[in-house]
């Protein structure tokens, strides 16, 4: 039987406004069946991302402070707050299979890069 990568257990982490929920929704719309966003950036539990089972693919989406402010339509997101989230995410970033800065990418480009990565890991 062919290994269908659409059934891989995928976990997405990253700071606020990096595009985690958007990617999850787009992957589900493309037929992926096991995609979770973990709010690791808000938790002091350093391995929260793996508490429901170790993912087959751990994706870390990243975005800088200016991008977060622009995407959320605000201007009060600070470098200090971003640094706090980055510290909470360090373990996941070290363990991730794919690290993808999304600052200069559209949601469609993020989806394309992630899907190609997952498909290539299945070969």
PDB file of N, CA and C in Angstrom:
ATOM      1  N   UNK A   1       0.839  -1.189   0.000  1.00  0.00           N
ATOM      2  CA  UNK A   1       0.000   0.000   0.000  1.00  0.00           C
ATOM      3  C   UNK A   1       0.883   1.252   0.000  1.00  0.00           C
ATOM      4  N   UNK A   2       0.487   2.220  -0.779  1.00  0.00           N
ATOM      5  CA  UNK A   2       1.230   3.470  -0.890  1.00  0.00           C
ATOM      6  C   UNK A   2       1.137   4.263   0.416  1.00  0.00           C
ATOM      7  N   UNK A   3       2.250   4.877   0.807  1.00  0.00           N
ATOM      8  CA  UNK A   3       2.277   5.705   2.016  1.00  0.00           C
ATOM      9  C   UNK A   3       1.663   7.058   1.687  1.00  0.00           C
ATOM     10  N   UNK A   4       0.462   7.311   2.151  1.00  0.00           N
ATOM     11  CA  UNK A   4      -0.208   8.580   1.872  1.00  0.00           C
ATOM     12  C   UNK A   4       0.181   9.594   2.937  1.00  0.00           C
ATOM     13  N   UNK A   5       0.995  10.558   2.548  1.00  0.00           N
ATOM     14  CA  UNK A   5       1.493  11.548   3.500  1.00  0.00           C
ATOM     15  C   UNK A   5       0.395  12.447   4.060  1.00  0.00           C
ATOM     16  N   UNK A   6      -0.800  12.403   3.493  1.00  0.00           N
ATOM     17  CA  UNK A   6      -1.907  13.211   4.000  1.00  0.00           C
ATOM     18  C   UNK A   6      -2.397  12.731   5.373  1.00  0.00           C
ATOM     19  N   UNK A   7      -1.944  11.553   5.786  1.00  0.00           N
ATOM     20  CA  UNK A   7      -2.377  11.005   7.075  1.00  0.00           C
ATOM     21  C   UNK A   7      -1.290  11.073   8.140  1.00  0.00           C
ATOM     22  N   UNK A   8      -0.240  11.796   7.877  1.00  0.00           N
ATOM     23  CA  UNK A   8       0.817  11.994   8.870  1.00  0.00           C
ATOM     24  C   UNK A   8       0.294  12.867  10.008  1.00  0.00           C
ATOM     25  N   UNK A   9       0.795  12.617  11.210  1.00  0.00           N
ATOM     26  CA  UNK A   9       0.442  13.442  12.368  1.00  0.00           C
ATOM     27  C   UNK A   9       1.354  14.668  12.359  1.00  0.00           C
ATOM     28  N   UNK A  10       0.759  15.825  12.106  1.00  0.00           N
ATOM     29  CA  UNK A  10       1.497  17.077  11.934  1.00  0.00           C
ATOM     30  C   UNK A  10       1.157  18.026  13.075  1.00  0.00           C
ATOM     31  N   UNK A  11       2.188  18.601  13.683  1.00  0.00           N
ATOM     32  CA  UNK A  11       2.009  19.616  14.716  1.00  0.00           C
ATOM     33  C   UNK A  11       2.683  20.892  14.229  1.00  0.00           C
ATOM     34  N   UNK A  12       1.970  22.010  14.407  1.00  0.00           N
ATOM     35  CA  UNK A  12       2.474  23.320  13.993  1.00  0.00           C
ATOM     36  C   UNK A  12       2.634  24.188  15.232  1.00  0.00           C
ATOM     37  N   UNK A  13       3.807  24.790  15.370  1.00  0.00           N
ATOM     38  CA  UNK A  13       4.086  25.705  16.475  1.00  0.00           C
ATOM     39  C   UNK A  13       4.718  26.973  15.914  1.00  0.00           C
ATOM     40  N   UNK A  14       4.791  27.995  16.765  1.00  0.00           N
ATOM     41  CA  UNK A  14       5.429  29.251  16.379  1.00  0.00           C
ATOM     42  C   UNK A  14       4.840  30.393  17.176  1.00  0.00           C
ATOM     43  N   UNK A  15       5.419  31.580  17.033  1.00  0.00           N
ATOM     44  CA  UNK A  15       4.910  32.735  17.766  1.00  0.00           C
ATOM     45  C   UNK A  15       3.566  33.202  17.210  1.00  0.00           C
ATOM     46  N   UNK A  16       2.926  34.088  17.943  1.00  0.00           N
ATOM     47  CA  UNK A  16       1.660  34.666  17.503  1.00  0.00           C
ATOM     48  C   UNK A  16       1.816  35.280  16.114  1.00  0.00           C
ATOM     49  N   UNK A  17       0.806  35.096  15.294  1.00  0.00           N
ATOM     50  CA  UNK A  17       0.700  35.708  13.966  1.00  0.00           C
ATOM     51  C   UNK A  17       1.709  35.180  12.954  1.00  0.00           C
ATOM     52  N   UNK A  18       2.258  34.004  13.204  1.00  0.00           N
ATOM     53  CA  UNK A  18       3.183  33.411  12.234  1.00  0.00           C
ATOM     54  C   UNK A  18       2.437  32.684  11.114  1.00  0.00           C
ATOM     55  N   UNK A  19       1.140  32.416  11.320  1.00  0.00           N
ATOM     56  CA  UNK A  19       0.337  31.751  10.299  1.00  0.00           C
ATOM     57  C   UNK A  19      -0.036  30.317  10.628  1.00  0.00           C
ATOM     58  N   UNK A  20       0.042  29.949  11.897  1.00  0.00           N
ATOM     59  CA  UNK A  20      -0.208  28.564  12.311  1.00  0.00           C
ATOM     60  C   UNK A  20      -1.633  28.108  11.993  1.00  0.00           C
ATOM     61  N   UNK A  21      -2.614  28.871  12.411  1.00  0.00           N
ATOM     62  CA  UNK A  21      -4.014  28.478  12.188  1.00  0.00           C
ATOM     63  C   UNK A  21      -4.365  28.490  10.706  1.00  0.00           C
ATOM     64  N   UNK A  22      -3.845  29.467   9.993  1.00  0.00           N
ATOM     65  CA  UNK A  22      -4.086  29.539   8.550  1.00  0.00           C
ATOM     66  C   UNK A  22      -3.523  28.306   7.859  1.00  0.00           C
ATOM     67  N   UNK A  23      -2.305  27.917   8.222  1.00  0.00           N
ATOM     68  CA  UNK A  23      -1.708  26.721   7.623  1.00  0.00           C
ATOM     69  C   UNK A  23      -2.517  25.482   7.974  1.00  0.00           C
ATOM     70  N   UNK A  24      -2.893  25.340   9.243  1.00  0.00           N
ATOM     71  CA  UNK A  24      -3.705  24.178   9.645  1.00  0.00           C
ATOM     72  C   UNK A  24      -4.977  24.094   8.804  1.00  0.00           C
ATOM     73  N   UNK A  25      -5.686  25.203   8.693  1.00  0.00           N
ATOM     74  CA  UNK A  25      -6.944  25.206   7.943  1.00  0.00           C
ATOM     75  C   UNK A  25      -6.729  24.830   6.479  1.00  0.00           C
ATOM     76  N   UNK A  26      -5.654  25.334   5.896  1.00  0.00           N
ATOM     77  CA  UNK A  26      -5.366  25.038   4.487  1.00  0.00           C
ATOM     78  C   UNK A  26      -4.923  23.587   4.293  1.00  0.00           C
ATOM     79  N   UNK A  27      -4.158  23.049   5.234  1.00  0.00           N
ATOM     80  CA  UNK A  27      -3.773  21.638   5.139  1.00  0.00           C
ATOM     81  C   UNK A  27      -5.002  20.735   5.256  1.00  0.00           C
ATOM     82  N   UNK A  28      -5.890  21.042   6.191  1.00  0.00           N
ATOM     83  CA  UNK A  28      -7.113  20.253   6.335  1.00  0.00           C
ATOM     84  C   UNK A  28      -7.952  20.326   5.067  1.00  0.00           C
ATOM     85  N   UNK A  29      -8.038  21.505   4.457  1.00  0.00           N
ATOM     86  CA  UNK A  29      -8.791  21.667   3.214  1.00  0.00           C
ATOM     87  C   UNK A  29      -8.166  20.870   2.067  1.00  0.00           C
ATOM     88  N   UNK A  30      -6.858  20.606   2.141  1.00  0.00           N
ATOM     89  CA  UNK A  30      -6.150  19.831   1.114  1.00  0.00           C
ATOM     90  C   UNK A  30      -6.204  18.331   1.387  1.00  0.00           C
ATOM     91  N   UNK A  31      -6.915  17.920   2.421  1.00  0.00           N
ATOM     92  CA  UNK A  31      -7.082  16.495   2.677  1.00  0.00           C
ATOM     93  C   UNK A  31      -6.193  15.909   3.753  1.00  0.00           C
ATOM     94  N   UNK A  32      -5.396  16.749   4.409  1.00  0.00           N
ATOM     95  CA  UNK A  32      -4.608  16.251   5.536  1.00  0.00           C
ATOM     96  C   UNK A  32      -5.570  15.973   6.682  1.00  0.00           C
ATOM     97  N   UNK A  33      -5.324  14.908   7.425  1.00  0.00           N
ATOM     98  CA  UNK A  33      -6.312  14.466   8.410  1.00  0.00           C
ATOM     99  C   UNK A  33      -5.912  14.649   9.865  1.00  0.00           C
ATOM    100  N   UNK A  34      -4.622  14.845  10.140  1.00  0.00           N
ATOM    101  CA  UNK A  34      -4.157  14.930  11.528  1.00  0.00           C
ATOM    102  C   UNK A  34      -3.237  16.132  11.699  1.00  0.00           C
ATOM    103  N   UNK A  35      -3.825  17.302  11.771  1.00  0.00           N
ATOM    104  CA  UNK A  35      -3.044  18.536  11.879  1.00  0.00           C
ATOM    105  C   UNK A  35      -3.471  19.278  13.137  1.00  0.00           C
ATOM    106  N   UNK A  36      -2.495  19.590  13.992  1.00  0.00           N
ATOM    107  CA  UNK A  36      -2.779  20.321  15.230  1.00  0.00           C
ATOM    108  C   UNK A  36      -1.899  21.552  15.328  1.00  0.00           C
ATOM    109  N   UNK A  37      -2.494  22.619  15.842  1.00  0.00           N
ATOM    110  CA  UNK A  37      -1.730  23.801  16.247  1.00  0.00           C
ATOM    111  C   UNK A  37      -1.599  23.720  17.755  1.00  0.00           C
ATOM    112  N   UNK A  38      -0.387  23.870  18.255  1.00  0.00           N
ATOM    113  CA  UNK A  38      -0.146  23.855  19.696  1.00  0.00           C
ATOM    114  C   UNK A  38       0.303  25.251  20.109  1.00  0.00           C
ATOM    115  N   UNK A  39      -0.377  25.815  21.093  1.00  0.00           N
ATOM    116  CA  UNK A  39      -0.072  27.171  21.573  1.00  0.00           C
ATOM    117  C   UNK A  39       1.125  27.148  22.521  1.00  0.00           C
ATOM    118  N   UNK A  40       2.208  26.572  22.052  1.00  0.00           N
ATOM    119  CA  UNK A  40       3.437  26.460  22.837  1.00  0.00           C
ATOM    120  C   UNK A  40       3.939  27.830  23.273  1.00  0.00           C
ATOM    121  N   UNK A  41       3.709  28.847  22.462  1.00  0.00           N
ATOM    122  CA  UNK A  41       4.214  30.187  22.763  1.00  0.00           C
ATOM    123  C   UNK A  41       3.596  30.782  24.023  1.00  0.00           C
ATOM    124  N   UNK A  42       2.481  30.215  24.485  1.00  0.00           N
ATOM    125  CA  UNK A  42       1.805  30.715  25.684  1.00  0.00           C
ATOM    126  C   UNK A  42       2.018  29.813  26.901  1.00  0.00           C
ATOM    127  N   UNK A  43       2.835  28.786  26.757  1.00  0.00           N
ATOM    128  CA  UNK A  43       2.982  27.797  27.823  1.00  0.00           C
ATOM    129  C   UNK A  43       4.413  27.707  28.335  1.00  0.00           C
ATOM    130  N   UNK A  44       4.526  27.500  29.629  1.00  0.00           N
ATOM    131  CA  UNK A  44       5.825  27.255  30.229  1.00  0.00           C
ATOM    132  C   UNK A  44       6.229  25.788  30.157  1.00  0.00           C
ATOM    133  N   UNK A  45       5.322  24.938  29.688  1.00  0.00           N
ATOM    134  CA  UNK A  45       5.623  23.516  29.517  1.00  0.00           C
ATOM    135  C   UNK A  45       6.436  23.384  28.235  1.00  0.00           C
ATOM    136  N   UNK A  46       7.720  23.118  28.372  1.00  0.00           N
ATOM    137  CA  UNK A  46       8.613  23.233  27.219  1.00  0.00           C
ATOM    138  C   UNK A  46       8.369  22.220  26.112  1.00  0.00           C
ATOM    139  N   UNK A  47       7.740  21.094  26.423  1.00  0.00           N
ATOM    140  CA  UNK A  47       7.460  20.113  25.376  1.00  0.00           C
ATOM    141  C   UNK A  47       5.961  19.866  25.216  1.00  0.00           C
ATOM    142  N   UNK A  48       5.182  20.909  25.411  1.00  0.00           N
ATOM    143  CA  UNK A  48       3.735  20.825  25.237  1.00  0.00           C
ATOM    144  C   UNK A  48       3.385  20.275  23.854  1.00  0.00           C
ATOM    145  N   UNK A  49       4.183  20.609  22.870  1.00  0.00           N
ATOM    146  CA  UNK A  49       3.935  20.201  21.486  1.00  0.00           C
ATOM    147  C   UNK A  49       3.919  18.685  21.290  1.00  0.00           C
ATOM    148  N   UNK A  50       4.492  17.927  22.213  1.00  0.00           N
ATOM    149  CA  UNK A  50       4.504  16.469  22.030  1.00  0.00           C
ATOM    150  C   UNK A  50       3.691  15.713  23.081  1.00  0.00           C
ATOM    151  N   UNK A  51       2.908  16.407  23.889  1.00  0.00           N
ATOM    152  CA  UNK A  51       2.163  15.736  24.954  1.00  0.00           C
ATOM    153  C   UNK A  51       1.025  14.856  24.442  1.00  0.00           C
ATOM    154  N   UNK A  52       0.546  15.088  23.236  1.00  0.00           N
ATOM    155  CA  UNK A  52      -0.509  14.241  22.673  1.00  0.00           C
ATOM    156  C   UNK A  52       0.062  13.248  21.664  1.00  0.00           C
ATOM    157  N   UNK A  53       1.317  12.927  21.832  1.00  0.00           N
ATOM    158  CA  UNK A  53       1.993  12.005  20.926  1.00  0.00           C
ATOM    159  C   UNK A  53       3.026  12.739  20.098  1.00  0.00           C
ATOM    160  N   UNK A  54       4.149  12.088  19.885  1.00  0.00           N
ATOM    161  CA  UNK A  54       5.237  12.713  19.137  1.00  0.00           C
ATOM    162  C   UNK A  54       4.816  12.847  17.676  1.00  0.00           C
ATOM    163  N   UNK A  55       4.867  14.054  17.135  1.00  0.00           N
ATOM    164  CA  UNK A  55       4.414  14.241  15.752  1.00  0.00           C
ATOM    165  C   UNK A  55       5.352  13.583  14.741  1.00  0.00           C
ATOM    166  N   UNK A  56       4.780  13.170  13.631  1.00  0.00           N
ATOM    167  CA  UNK A  56       5.598  12.665  12.527  1.00  0.00           C
ATOM    168  C   UNK A  56       6.268  13.825  11.797  1.00  0.00           C
ATOM    169  N   UNK A  57       5.623  14.992  11.848  1.00  0.00           N
ATOM    170  CA  UNK A  57       6.200  16.204  11.266  1.00  0.00           C
ATOM    171  C   UNK A  57       5.927  17.361  12.222  1.00  0.00           C
ATOM    172  N   UNK A  58       6.994  17.995  12.703  1.00  0.00           N
ATOM    173  CA  UNK A  58       6.878  19.177  13.558  1.00  0.00           C
ATOM    174  C   UNK A  58       7.305  20.386  12.732  1.00  0.00           C
ATOM    175  N   UNK A  59       6.365  21.302  12.534  1.00  0.00           N
ATOM    176  CA  UNK A  59       6.603  22.492  11.720  1.00  0.00           C
ATOM    177  C   UNK A  59       6.664  23.704  12.630  1.00  0.00           C
ATOM    178  N   UNK A  60       7.707  24.493  12.460  1.00  0.00           N
ATOM    179  CA  UNK A  60       7.866  25.731  13.214  1.00  0.00           C
ATOM    180  C   UNK A  60       7.744  26.892  12.235  1.00  0.00           C
ATOM    181  N   UNK A  61       6.640  27.640  12.343  1.00  0.00           N
ATOM    182  CA  UNK A  61       6.471  28.852  11.551  1.00  0.00           C
ATOM    183  C   UNK A  61       6.949  30.022  12.384  1.00  0.00           C
ATOM    184  N   UNK A  62       7.664  30.947  11.772  1.00  0.00           N
ATOM    185  CA  UNK A  62       8.201  32.087  12.511  1.00  0.00           C
ATOM    186  C   UNK A  62       7.804  33.384  11.822  1.00  0.00           C
ATOM    187  N   UNK A  63       7.731  34.445  12.601  1.00  0.00           N
ATOM    188  CA  UNK A  63       7.456  35.788  12.087  1.00  0.00           C
ATOM    189  C   UNK A  63       8.029  36.787  13.072  1.00  0.00           C
ATOM    190  N   UNK A  64       8.530  37.900  12.553  1.00  0.00           N
ATOM    191  CA  UNK A  64       9.105  38.904  13.443  1.00  0.00           C
ATOM    192  C   UNK A  64       8.022  39.834  13.996  1.00  0.00           C
ATOM    193  N   UNK A  65       8.430  40.741  14.857  1.00  0.00           N
ATOM    194  CA  UNK A  65       7.491  41.633  15.549  1.00  0.00           C
ATOM    195  C   UNK A  65       6.714  42.500  14.568  1.00  0.00           C
ATOM    196  N   UNK A  66       7.388  43.075  13.588  1.00  0.00           N
ATOM    197  CA  UNK A  66       6.710  43.943  12.616  1.00  0.00           C
ATOM    198  C   UNK A  66       5.644  43.167  11.848  1.00  0.00           C
ATOM    199  N   UNK A  67       5.955  41.954  11.472  1.00  0.00           N
ATOM    200  CA  UNK A  67       4.986  41.117  10.763  1.00  0.00           C
ATOM    201  C   UNK A  67       3.796  40.796  11.659  1.00  0.00           C
ATOM    202  N   UNK A  68       4.063  40.443  12.909  1.00  0.00           N
ATOM    203  CA  UNK A  68       2.975  40.134  13.848  1.00  0.00           C
ATOM    204  C   UNK A  68       2.049  41.331  14.009  1.00  0.00           C
ATOM    205  N   UNK A  69       2.613  42.514  14.178  1.00  0.00           N
ATOM    206  CA  UNK A  69       1.788  43.720  14.308  1.00  0.00           C
ATOM    207  C   UNK A  69       0.955  43.955  13.057  1.00  0.00           C
ATOM    208  N   UNK A  70       1.565  43.828  11.892  1.00  0.00           N
ATOM    209  CA  UNK A  70       0.845  44.062  10.637  1.00  0.00           C
ATOM    210  C   UNK A  70      -0.274  43.042  10.445  1.00  0.00           C
ATOM    211  N   UNK A  71       0.003  41.794  10.720  1.00  0.00           N
ATOM    212  CA  UNK A  71      -1.003  40.748  10.521  1.00  0.00           C
ATOM    213  C   UNK A  71      -2.154  40.856  11.503  1.00  0.00           C
ATOM    214  N   UNK A  72      -1.876  41.348  12.689  1.00  0.00           N
ATOM    215  CA  UNK A  72      -2.928  41.467  13.699  1.00  0.00           C
ATOM    216  C   UNK A  72      -3.554  42.851  13.732  1.00  0.00           C
ATOM    217  N   UNK A  73      -3.083  43.754  12.870  1.00  0.00           N
ATOM    218  CA  UNK A  73      -3.648  45.101  12.816  1.00  0.00           C
ATOM    219  C   UNK A  73      -3.437  45.875  14.100  1.00  0.00           C
ATOM    220  N   UNK A  74      -2.255  45.758  14.655  1.00  0.00           N
ATOM    221  CA  UNK A  74      -1.956  46.430  15.918  1.00  0.00           C
ATOM    222  C   UNK A  74      -0.537  46.970  15.875  1.00  0.00           C
ATOM    223  N   UNK A  75      -0.181  47.714  16.895  1.00  0.00           N
ATOM    224  CA  UNK A  75       1.177  48.259  16.943  1.00  0.00           C
ATOM    225  C   UNK A  75       1.804  48.093  18.320  1.00  0.00           C
ATOM    226  N   UNK A  76       1.158  47.327  19.182  1.00  0.00           N
ATOM    227  CA  UNK A  76       1.642  47.194  20.554  1.00  0.00           C
ATOM    228  C   UNK A  76       2.395  45.887  20.818  1.00  0.00           C
ATOM    229  N   UNK A  77       2.608  45.095  19.792  1.00  0.00           N
ATOM    230  CA  UNK A  77       3.386  43.873  19.947  1.00  0.00           C
ATOM    231  C   UNK A  77       4.841  44.286  20.079  1.00  0.00           C
ATOM    232  N   UNK A  78       5.480  43.923  21.183  1.00  0.00           N
ATOM    233  CA  UNK A  78       6.819  44.437  21.480  1.00  0.00           C
ATOM    234  C   UNK A  78       7.907  43.382  21.278  1.00  0.00           C
ATOM    235  N   UNK A  79       9.138  43.834  21.070  1.00  0.00           N
ATOM    236  CA  UNK A  79      10.246  42.882  20.996  1.00  0.00           C
ATOM    237  C   UNK A  79      10.381  42.048  22.276  1.00  0.00           C
ATOM    238  N   UNK A  80      10.047  42.638  23.418  1.00  0.00           N
ATOM    239  CA  UNK A  80      10.128  41.900  24.682  1.00  0.00           C
ATOM    240  C   UNK A  80       9.126  40.745  24.707  1.00  0.00           C
ATOM    241  N   UNK A  81       7.897  41.014  24.294  1.00  0.00           N
ATOM    242  CA  UNK A  81       6.877  39.963  24.251  1.00  0.00           C
ATOM    243  C   UNK A  81       7.280  38.874  23.255  1.00  0.00           C
ATOM    244  N   UNK A  82       7.817  39.295  22.125  1.00  0.00           N
ATOM    245  CA  UNK A  82       8.257  38.327  21.112  1.00  0.00           C
ATOM    246  C   UNK A  82       9.402  37.468  21.652  1.00  0.00           C
ATOM    247  N   UNK A  83      10.323  38.094  22.376  1.00  0.00           N
ATOM    248  CA  UNK A  83      11.455  37.358  22.960  1.00  0.00           C
ATOM    249  C   UNK A  83      10.972  36.339  23.990  1.00  0.00           C
ATOM    250  N   UNK A  84       9.945  36.707  24.771  1.00  0.00           N
ATOM    251  CA  UNK A  84       9.380  35.766  25.747  1.00  0.00           C
ATOM    252  C   UNK A  84       8.790  34.549  25.034  1.00  0.00           C
ATOM    253  N   UNK A  85       8.061  34.805  23.957  1.00  0.00           N
ATOM    254  CA  UNK A  85       7.498  33.687  23.203  1.00  0.00           C
ATOM    255  C   UNK A  85       8.606  32.842  22.581  1.00  0.00           C
ATOM    256  N   UNK A  86       9.618  33.494  22.047  1.00  0.00           N
ATOM    257  CA  UNK A  86      10.739  32.760  21.445  1.00  0.00           C
ATOM    258  C   UNK A  86      11.412  31.847  22.461  1.00  0.00           C
ATOM    259  N   UNK A  87      11.552  32.328  23.690  1.00  0.00           N
ATOM    260  CA  UNK A  87      12.159  31.503  24.740  1.00  0.00           C
ATOM    261  C   UNK A  87      11.292  30.277  25.027  1.00  0.00           C
ATOM    262  N   UNK A  88       9.978  30.458  25.070  1.00  0.00           N
ATOM    263  CA  UNK A  88       9.075  29.333  25.317  1.00  0.00           C
ATOM    264  C   UNK A  88       9.092  28.330  24.163  1.00  0.00           C
ATOM    265  N   UNK A  89       9.419  28.818  22.986  1.00  0.00           N
ATOM    266  CA  UNK A  89       9.400  27.986  21.784  1.00  0.00           C
ATOM    267  C   UNK A  89      10.744  27.336  21.456  1.00  0.00           C
ATOM    268  N   UNK A  90      11.779  27.665  22.211  1.00  0.00           N
ATOM    269  CA  UNK A  90      13.130  27.215  21.860  1.00  0.00           C
ATOM    270  C   UNK A  90      13.245  25.698  21.717  1.00  0.00           C
ATOM    271  N   UNK A  91      12.657  24.950  22.625  1.00  0.00           N
ATOM    272  CA  UNK A  91      12.741  23.485  22.559  1.00  0.00           C
ATOM    273  C   UNK A  91      12.086  22.967  21.279  1.00  0.00           C
ATOM    274  N   UNK A  92      10.930  23.504  20.946  1.00  0.00           N
ATOM    275  CA  UNK A  92      10.242  23.078  19.723  1.00  0.00           C
ATOM    276  C   UNK A  92      11.035  23.475  18.481  1.00  0.00           C
ATOM    277  N   UNK A  93      11.635  24.658  18.509  1.00  0.00           N
ATOM    278  CA  UNK A  93      12.416  25.097  17.348  1.00  0.00           C
ATOM    279  C   UNK A  93      13.616  24.168  17.136  1.00  0.00           C
ATOM    280  N   UNK A  94      14.257  23.783  18.206  1.00  0.00           N
ATOM    281  CA  UNK A  94      15.400  22.875  18.108  1.00  0.00           C
ATOM    282  C   UNK A  94      14.981  21.514  17.557  1.00  0.00           C
ATOM    283  N   UNK A  95      13.801  21.058  17.928  1.00  0.00           N
ATOM    284  CA  UNK A  95      13.332  19.728  17.534  1.00  0.00           C
ATOM    285  C   UNK A  95      12.581  19.697  16.205  1.00  0.00           C
ATOM    286  N   UNK A  96      12.254  20.843  15.647  1.00  0.00           N
ATOM    287  CA  UNK A  96      11.377  20.865  14.470  1.00  0.00           C
ATOM    288  C   UNK A  96      12.010  20.196  13.250  1.00  0.00           C
ATOM    289  N   UNK A  97      11.140  19.681  12.410  1.00  0.00           N
ATOM    290  CA  UNK A  97      11.557  19.089  11.140  1.00  0.00           C
ATOM    291  C   UNK A  97      11.672  20.152  10.055  1.00  0.00           C
ATOM    292  N   UNK A  98      10.826  21.163  10.144  1.00  0.00           N
ATOM    293  CA  UNK A  98      10.827  22.249   9.168  1.00  0.00           C
ATOM    294  C   UNK A  98      10.704  23.571   9.902  1.00  0.00           C
ATOM    295  N   UNK A  99      11.690  24.441   9.697  1.00  0.00           N
ATOM    296  CA  UNK A  99      11.649  25.805  10.221  1.00  0.00           C
ATOM    297  C   UNK A  99      11.373  26.713   9.037  1.00  0.00           C
ATOM    298  N   UNK A 100      10.290  27.509   9.127  1.00  0.00           N
ATOM    299  CA  UNK A 100       9.895  28.334   7.995  1.00  0.00           C
ATOM    300  C   UNK A 100       9.517  29.742   8.444  1.00  0.00           C
ATOM    301  N   UNK A 101      10.375  30.734   8.183  1.00  0.00           N
ATOM    302  CA  UNK A 101       9.996  32.127   8.430  1.00  0.00           C
ATOM    303  C   UNK A 101       8.923  32.524   7.403  1.00  0.00           C
ATOM    304  N   UNK A 102       7.845  33.112   7.873  1.00  0.00           N
ATOM    305  CA  UNK A 102       6.718  33.417   6.986  1.00  0.00           C
ATOM    306  C   UNK A 102       6.583  34.899   6.665  1.00  0.00           C
ATOM    307  N   UNK A 103       7.502  35.717   7.136  1.00  0.00           N
ATOM    308  CA  UNK A 103       7.386  37.168   6.975  1.00  0.00           C
ATOM    309  C   UNK A 103       7.169  37.599   5.524  1.00  0.00           C
ATOM    310  N   UNK A 104       7.881  36.997   4.610  1.00  0.00           N
ATOM    311  CA  UNK A 104       7.829  37.409   3.204  1.00  0.00           C
ATOM    312  C   UNK A 104       6.999  36.465   2.338  1.00  0.00           C
ATOM    313  N   UNK A 105       6.244  35.573   2.961  1.00  0.00           N
ATOM    314  CA  UNK A 105       5.485  34.575   2.211  1.00  0.00           C
ATOM    315  C   UNK A 105       3.988  34.805   2.327  1.00  0.00           C
ATOM    316  N   UNK A 106       3.258  34.488   1.269  1.00  0.00           N
ATOM    317  CA  UNK A 106       1.799  34.492   1.327  1.00  0.00           C
ATOM    318  C   UNK A 106       1.347  33.175   1.960  1.00  0.00           C
ATOM    319  N   UNK A 107       0.106  33.109   2.432  1.00  0.00           N
ATOM    320  CA  UNK A 107      -0.391  31.834   2.953  1.00  0.00           C
ATOM    321  C   UNK A 107      -0.300  30.702   1.921  1.00  0.00           C
ATOM    322  N   UNK A 108      -0.532  31.006   0.659  1.00  0.00           N
ATOM    323  CA  UNK A 108      -0.437  29.983  -0.387  1.00  0.00           C
ATOM    324  C   UNK A 108       1.001  29.486  -0.541  1.00  0.00           C
ATOM    325  N   UNK A 109       1.969  30.382  -0.429  1.00  0.00           N
ATOM    326  CA  UNK A 109       3.373  29.982  -0.526  1.00  0.00           C
ATOM    327  C   UNK A 109       3.789  29.126   0.669  1.00  0.00           C
ATOM    328  N   UNK A 110       3.301  29.479   1.854  1.00  0.00           N
ATOM    329  CA  UNK A 110       3.591  28.673   3.046  1.00  0.00           C
ATOM    330  C   UNK A 110       3.030  27.266   2.852  1.00  0.00           C
ATOM    331  N   UNK A 111       1.783  27.181   2.436  1.00  0.00           N
ATOM    332  CA  UNK A 111       1.151  25.879   2.194  1.00  0.00           C
ATOM    333  C   UNK A 111       1.944  25.067   1.178  1.00  0.00           C
ATOM    334  N   UNK A 112       2.335  25.685   0.087  1.00  0.00           N
ATOM    335  CA  UNK A 112       3.071  24.977  -0.957  1.00  0.00           C
ATOM    336  C   UNK A 112       4.396  24.430  -0.430  1.00  0.00           C
ATOM    337  N   UNK A 113       5.146  25.242   0.287  1.00  0.00           N
ATOM    338  CA  UNK A 113       6.442  24.798   0.816  1.00  0.00           C
ATOM    339  C   UNK A 113       6.281  23.666   1.826  1.00  0.00           C
ATOM    340  N   UNK A 114       5.269  23.800   2.686  1.00  0.00           N
ATOM    341  CA  UNK A 114       5.039  22.764   3.698  1.00  0.00           C
ATOM    342  C   UNK A 114       4.598  21.460   3.043  1.00  0.00           C
ATOM    343  N   UNK A 115       3.673  21.548   2.110  1.00  0.00           N
ATOM    344  CA  UNK A 115       3.194  20.318   1.471  1.00  0.00           C
ATOM    345  C   UNK A 115       4.315  19.636   0.682  1.00  0.00           C
ATOM    346  N   UNK A 116       5.139  20.396  -0.011  1.00  0.00           N
ATOM    347  CA  UNK A 116       6.270  19.798  -0.731  1.00  0.00           C
ATOM    348  C   UNK A 116       7.245  19.130   0.242  1.00  0.00           C
ATOM    349  N   UNK A 117       7.488  19.780   1.382  1.00  0.00           N
ATOM    350  CA  UNK A 117       8.386  19.203   2.382  1.00  0.00           C
ATOM    351  C   UNK A 117       7.849  17.866   2.892  1.00  0.00           C
ATOM    352  N   UNK A 118       6.569  17.841   3.238  1.00  0.00           N
ATOM    353  CA  UNK A 118       5.968  16.612   3.763  1.00  0.00           C
ATOM    354  C   UNK A 118       5.984  15.512   2.704  1.00  0.00           C
ATOM    355  N   UNK A 119       5.669  15.863   1.477  1.00  0.00           N
ATOM    356  CA  UNK A 119       5.666  14.874   0.393  1.00  0.00           C
ATOM    357  C   UNK A 119       7.068  14.308   0.168  1.00  0.00           C
ATOM    358  N   UNK A 120       8.092  15.154   0.216  1.00  0.00           N
ATOM    359  CA  UNK A 120       9.464  14.692  -0.001  1.00  0.00           C
ATOM    360  C   UNK A 120       9.938  13.776   1.126  1.00  0.00           C
ATOM    361  N   UNK A 121       9.456  14.003   2.340  1.00  0.00           N
ATOM    362  CA  UNK A 121       9.827  13.136   3.475  1.00  0.00           C
ATOM    363  C   UNK A 121       9.200  11.759   3.345  1.00  0.00           C
ATOM    364  N   UNK A 122       8.184  11.639   2.512  1.00  0.00           N
ATOM    365  CA  UNK A 122       7.473  10.369   2.353  1.00  0.00           C
ATOM    366  C   UNK A 122       8.116   9.466   1.317  1.00  0.00           C
ATOM    367  N   UNK A 123       9.050  10.011   0.560  1.00  0.00           N
ATOM    368  CA  UNK A 123       9.669   9.241  -0.524  1.00  0.00           C
ATOM    369  C   UNK A 123      10.656   8.244   0.037  1.00  0.00           C
TER     370      UNK A 123
END
